[in-house]
Protein backbone atom coordinates (compact mmCIF):
# COMPACT_ATOMS: atom_id res chain seq x y z
CA MET A 1 33.81 37.51 13.22
CA LYS A 2 30.38 36.04 14.00
CA HIS A 3 29.88 34.86 10.42
CA LEU A 4 33.25 33.08 10.57
CA MET A 5 32.46 31.04 13.69
CA PRO A 6 30.25 28.33 12.07
CA PHE A 7 32.95 27.72 9.46
CA ILE A 8 35.61 27.31 12.17
CA VAL A 9 33.37 24.99 14.21
CA VAL A 10 32.78 22.73 11.17
CA ILE A 11 36.52 22.56 10.47
CA VAL A 12 37.32 21.71 14.11
CA PHE A 13 34.60 19.04 14.10
CA PHE A 14 36.02 17.31 11.02
CA VAL A 15 39.60 17.57 12.32
CA LEU A 16 38.56 15.88 15.57
CA ILE A 17 36.83 13.10 13.64
CA ALA A 18 39.97 12.63 11.51
CA ILE A 19 42.18 12.45 14.61
CA PHE A 20 39.88 9.85 16.16
CA ILE A 21 39.86 7.73 12.99
CA LEU A 22 43.68 7.90 12.71
CA ALA A 23 44.10 6.85 16.34
CA LEU A 24 41.70 3.96 15.84
CA TYR A 25 43.46 2.68 12.73
CA ASN A 26 46.90 3.09 14.31
CA TYR A 27 45.69 0.99 17.23
CA ARG A 28 44.33 -1.69 14.90
CA LEU A 29 47.57 -1.76 12.89
CA LYS A 30 49.72 -2.09 16.03
CA LYS A 31 47.48 -4.86 17.34
CA ARG A 32 47.71 -6.75 14.04
CA ILE A 33 51.50 -6.43 13.98
CA ILE A 34 51.82 -7.68 17.55
CA ASP A 35 49.34 -10.54 17.00
CA ALA A 36 51.24 -11.65 13.89
CA GLY A 37 53.99 -13.15 16.01
CA PRO A 38 57.59 -12.42 16.90
CA LEU A 39 59.01 -9.20 15.50
CA ASP A 40 62.31 -8.80 13.76
CA GLU A 41 64.36 -5.62 14.03
CA THR A 42 62.60 -3.93 11.10
CA GLY A 43 59.13 -4.65 12.50
CA LEU A 44 60.11 -3.42 15.94
CA LYS A 45 61.54 -0.22 14.45
CA PHE A 46 58.32 0.34 12.50
CA LEU A 47 56.21 -0.29 15.59
CA THR A 48 58.15 2.20 17.69
CA GLN A 49 57.94 4.76 14.87
CA LEU A 50 54.19 4.21 14.69
CA SER A 51 53.83 4.68 18.44
CA GLY A 52 55.47 8.10 18.36
CA SER A 53 58.31 9.55 20.33
CA GLY A 54 56.51 9.90 23.65
CA ASN A 55 56.87 13.66 23.62
CA GLU A 56 53.31 14.34 22.52
CA ALA A 57 52.33 15.59 25.97
CA VAL A 58 55.20 18.09 25.96
CA LYS A 59 54.28 19.30 22.48
CA TRP A 60 50.61 19.82 23.26
CA GLY A 61 51.40 21.30 26.66
CA LEU A 62 53.70 23.92 25.14
CA LEU A 63 51.29 24.72 22.32
CA LEU A 64 48.30 25.12 24.61
CA LEU A 65 50.34 27.15 27.10
CA PHE A 66 51.50 29.62 24.47
CA ALA A 67 48.06 29.78 22.83
CA GLY A 68 46.61 30.64 26.24
CA ILE A 69 49.27 33.28 26.83
CA GLY A 70 48.40 34.73 23.43
CA PHE A 71 44.73 34.98 24.41
CA VAL A 72 45.66 36.67 27.68
CA VAL A 73 47.82 39.21 25.82
CA LEU A 74 44.93 39.87 23.42
CA GLU A 75 42.70 40.70 26.36
CA PHE A 76 44.93 43.66 27.25
CA LEU A 77 45.46 45.05 23.72
CA PRO A 78 42.99 47.57 22.31
CA PHE A 79 41.81 46.65 18.81
CA SER A 80 38.66 46.63 16.73
CA ALA A 81 37.36 43.06 16.89
CA GLU A 82 35.35 43.40 13.68
CA ASP A 83 37.94 44.88 11.32
CA SER A 84 41.36 44.07 12.67
CA PRO A 85 43.48 41.04 11.77
CA LEU A 86 45.65 41.79 14.83
CA PRO A 87 44.24 38.98 17.03
CA TYR A 88 45.00 36.34 14.38
CA GLY A 89 48.56 37.59 13.97
CA ILE A 90 49.30 37.75 17.68
CA GLU A 91 47.82 34.31 18.32
CA MET A 92 49.82 32.79 15.44
CA ILE A 93 53.01 34.38 16.77
CA PHE A 94 52.49 32.85 20.21
CA ILE A 95 51.67 29.43 18.76
CA ALA A 96 54.77 29.64 16.54
CA VAL A 97 56.88 30.42 19.60
CA GLY A 98 55.43 27.32 21.25
CA PHE A 99 56.38 25.21 18.21
CA LEU A 100 59.90 26.69 18.18
CA LEU A 101 60.38 25.89 21.86
CA TYR A 102 59.17 22.34 21.24
CA TYR A 103 61.64 22.02 18.35
CA LEU A 104 64.47 23.28 20.56
CA PHE A 105 63.38 20.87 23.30
CA LEU A 106 63.53 17.93 20.87
CA LYS A 107 66.87 19.07 19.47
CA ASN A 108 68.31 19.42 22.98
CA GLN A 109 66.92 16.01 23.96
CA LYS A 110 68.40 14.38 20.84
CA ASN A 111 71.80 15.96 21.56
CA SER A 112 71.75 14.74 25.17
CA ASP A 113 70.80 11.21 24.02
CA THR A 114 73.81 10.98 21.70
CA LEU A 115 76.28 11.97 24.43
């Protein structure tokens, strides 16, 4: 596990840089579109799609909650930390449950919006 940590840290570092660059370019694109003048219906639709659905906080909240619950569960399970893939499996299961709940939340929200 210790020899895997530098690899994971490098991956996380590059992912964070990529997220920052994407946010910066999305901001610049939105600013350019708004500064270009009045928007027609197509431009407004594109701008709202670019901004996201507004449910990002719910998504990340659910994912971090279930990832944390997975870590707490791992604390109480006996396993060999060096040889066992059990922690990875349990953590992925909890994160997947978080994604499924987010999907159900979006589906329920979309159904209530159409009513």
